[in-house]
């Protein structure tokens, strides 16, 4: 895992994309932010890309291929699972069933999309600092 590689954000809501863009700009991490509006487009990118994303932040409810279905594919795909890309959900769909399903798919985090920029920034800072310090199979 290259700590400066792109961050993939799978989010179909344009307003939420703008909030993430502003939050990452304010936090000033060097990572490129790459947005996809659905899981299908993100999956195509992950198959074609020669670089391994630093991490994936995914919404759950999206068109074509939702976040749960995408995570399941990544978990079961021999090539993509070897990349060990941290996969975290960022969703407004906070309920016990969704959280259980996410962790059954071996997600590395489930976070609530707050409606305030400063709260999103706090969460993103915690996520980034954790993963920048975390050892990973791709670190060596």
Protein backbone atom coordinates (compact mmCIF):
# COMPACT_ATOMS: atom_id res chain seq x y z
CA UNK A 1 0.00 0.00 0.00
CA UNK A 2 1.55 3.22 -1.10
CA UNK A 3 0.35 5.83 1.34
CA UNK A 4 0.38 8.51 -1.35
CA UNK A 5 -1.59 6.54 -3.95
CA UNK A 6 -5.06 7.67 -5.00
CA UNK A 7 -8.11 7.43 -2.78
CA UNK A 8 -11.10 5.98 -4.58
CA UNK A 9 -14.45 7.39 -3.48
CA UNK A 10 -17.56 5.67 -4.77
CA UNK A 11 -20.40 8.11 -4.27
CA UNK A 12 -23.31 8.86 -6.57
CA UNK A 13 -24.48 12.05 -4.85
CA UNK A 14 -22.81 15.12 -6.41
CA UNK A 15 -23.30 17.20 -3.24
CA UNK A 16 -21.52 14.53 -1.18
CA UNK A 17 -18.73 14.42 -3.75
CA UNK A 18 -18.27 18.16 -3.32
CA UNK A 19 -18.18 17.80 0.48
CA UNK A 20 -15.51 15.08 0.23
CA UNK A 21 -13.54 17.22 -2.22
CA UNK A 22 -13.63 20.22 0.12
CA UNK A 23 -12.77 18.11 3.17
CA UNK A 24 -9.73 16.53 1.50
CA UNK A 25 -8.65 19.94 0.21
CA UNK A 26 -8.85 21.35 3.75
CA UNK A 27 -6.93 18.38 5.16
CA UNK A 28 -4.19 18.81 2.51
CA UNK A 29 -3.27 15.15 2.04
CA UNK A 30 -1.21 14.58 -1.13
CA UNK A 31 -3.40 11.74 -2.43
CA UNK A 32 -5.32 12.20 -5.65
CA UNK A 33 -9.06 11.74 -5.11
CA UNK A 34 -10.83 9.68 -7.79
CA UNK A 35 -14.63 9.62 -7.79
CA UNK A 36 -16.95 7.02 -9.26
CA UNK A 37 -20.73 7.31 -9.27
CA UNK A 38 -21.34 3.57 -9.12
CA UNK A 39 -19.60 0.37 -8.15
CA UNK A 40 -19.48 -0.93 -11.70
CA UNK A 41 -17.32 1.97 -12.90
CA UNK A 42 -15.05 1.62 -9.84
CA UNK A 43 -14.65 -2.11 -10.50
CA UNK A 44 -13.59 -1.46 -14.10
CA UNK A 45 -11.02 1.06 -12.86
CA UNK A 46 -9.66 -1.34 -10.22
CA UNK A 47 -9.23 -4.06 -12.85
CA UNK A 48 -7.44 -1.73 -15.29
CA UNK A 49 -5.35 0.41 -12.95
CA UNK A 50 -1.68 -0.38 -12.55
CA UNK A 51 -1.48 1.48 -9.24
CA UNK A 52 -3.11 0.18 -6.09
CA UNK A 53 -5.38 2.75 -4.42
CA UNK A 54 -4.44 3.80 -0.90
CA UNK A 55 -8.00 3.10 0.20
CA UNK A 56 -11.59 2.93 -0.98
CA UNK A 57 -14.41 4.94 0.59
CA UNK A 58 -17.75 3.63 -0.60
CA UNK A 59 -21.37 4.55 -0.25
CA UNK A 60 -23.79 1.63 0.02
CA UNK A 61 -26.84 2.68 -1.99
CA UNK A 62 -25.75 3.31 -5.57
CA UNK A 63 -26.99 2.49 -9.06
CA UNK A 64 -25.77 -0.50 -11.11
CA UNK A 65 -23.60 -2.13 -8.43
CA UNK A 66 -24.13 -1.15 -4.81
CA UNK A 67 -21.43 -1.00 -2.16
CA UNK A 68 -22.19 -4.42 -0.66
CA UNK A 69 -22.13 -6.14 -4.06
CA UNK A 70 -18.86 -4.41 -4.98
CA UNK A 71 -17.19 -5.38 -1.70
CA UNK A 72 -18.31 -8.99 -2.19
CA UNK A 73 -16.76 -9.05 -5.68
CA UNK A 74 -13.50 -7.53 -4.42
CA UNK A 75 -13.35 -10.09 -1.61
CA UNK A 76 -13.90 -13.02 -3.98
CA UNK A 77 -11.76 -11.79 -6.91
CA UNK A 78 -8.37 -13.52 -6.60
CA UNK A 79 -6.42 -10.68 -8.24
CA UNK A 80 -8.15 -7.76 -6.52
CA UNK A 81 -8.21 -9.39 -3.08
CA UNK A 82 -4.42 -9.79 -3.26
CA UNK A 83 -4.10 -6.01 -3.55
CA UNK A 84 -5.34 -5.70 0.07
CA UNK A 85 -7.01 -2.32 -0.53
CA UNK A 86 -8.67 -1.03 2.66
CA UNK A 87 -12.41 -0.77 1.97
CA UNK A 88 -14.53 1.47 4.19
CA UNK A 89 -18.20 2.33 4.02
CA UNK A 90 -19.36 5.92 4.37
CA UNK A 91 -23.13 5.90 4.46
CA UNK A 92 -26.27 7.50 5.82
CA UNK A 93 -27.77 3.98 6.00
CA UNK A 94 -26.82 3.30 9.59
CA UNK A 95 -28.66 0.32 10.98
CA UNK A 96 -27.61 -2.92 12.62
CA UNK A 97 -28.40 -5.04 9.56
CA UNK A 98 -26.23 -2.88 7.28
CA UNK A 99 -23.33 -2.81 9.75
CA UNK A 100 -23.47 -6.61 10.22
CA UNK A 101 -23.58 -7.20 6.48
CA UNK A 102 -20.62 -4.88 5.98
CA UNK A 103 -18.47 -6.63 8.56
CA UNK A 104 -19.48 -10.06 7.23
CA UNK A 105 -17.89 -8.89 3.98
CA UNK A 106 -14.68 -8.02 5.88
CA UNK A 107 -15.03 -4.26 5.48
CA UNK A 108 -12.36 -2.31 7.39
CA UNK A 109 -14.72 0.37 8.68
CA UNK A 110 -18.26 1.67 8.63
CA UNK A 111 -18.71 5.41 9.09
CA UNK A 112 -21.74 7.66 9.13
CA UNK A 113 -21.82 10.48 6.59
CA UNK A 114 -22.26 13.50 8.79
CA UNK A 115 -23.96 16.56 7.37
CA UNK A 116 -21.34 19.03 8.63
CA UNK A 117 -18.03 19.56 6.85
CA UNK A 118 -16.03 19.79 10.09
CA UNK A 119 -17.40 16.41 11.23
CA UNK A 120 -16.53 14.79 7.89
CA UNK A 121 -13.03 16.24 8.19
CA UNK A 122 -12.59 14.79 11.71
CA UNK A 123 -13.60 11.36 10.48
CA UNK A 124 -11.43 11.52 7.35
CA UNK A 125 -8.43 12.71 9.40
CA UNK A 126 -8.84 9.75 11.78
CA UNK A 127 -9.14 7.32 8.86
CA UNK A 128 -6.13 8.76 7.02
CA UNK A 129 -3.89 8.85 10.07
CA UNK A 130 -4.80 5.28 11.00
CA UNK A 131 -4.13 3.88 7.51
CA UNK A 132 -0.95 5.91 7.03
CA UNK A 133 0.43 4.25 10.18
CA UNK A 134 -0.98 0.77 9.52
CA UNK A 135 1.22 -2.03 8.18
CA UNK A 136 -0.16 -3.73 5.10
CA UNK A 137 0.92 -6.59 2.81
CA UNK A 138 1.61 -3.96 0.14
CA UNK A 139 4.00 -1.94 2.33
CA UNK A 140 7.02 -4.10 1.68
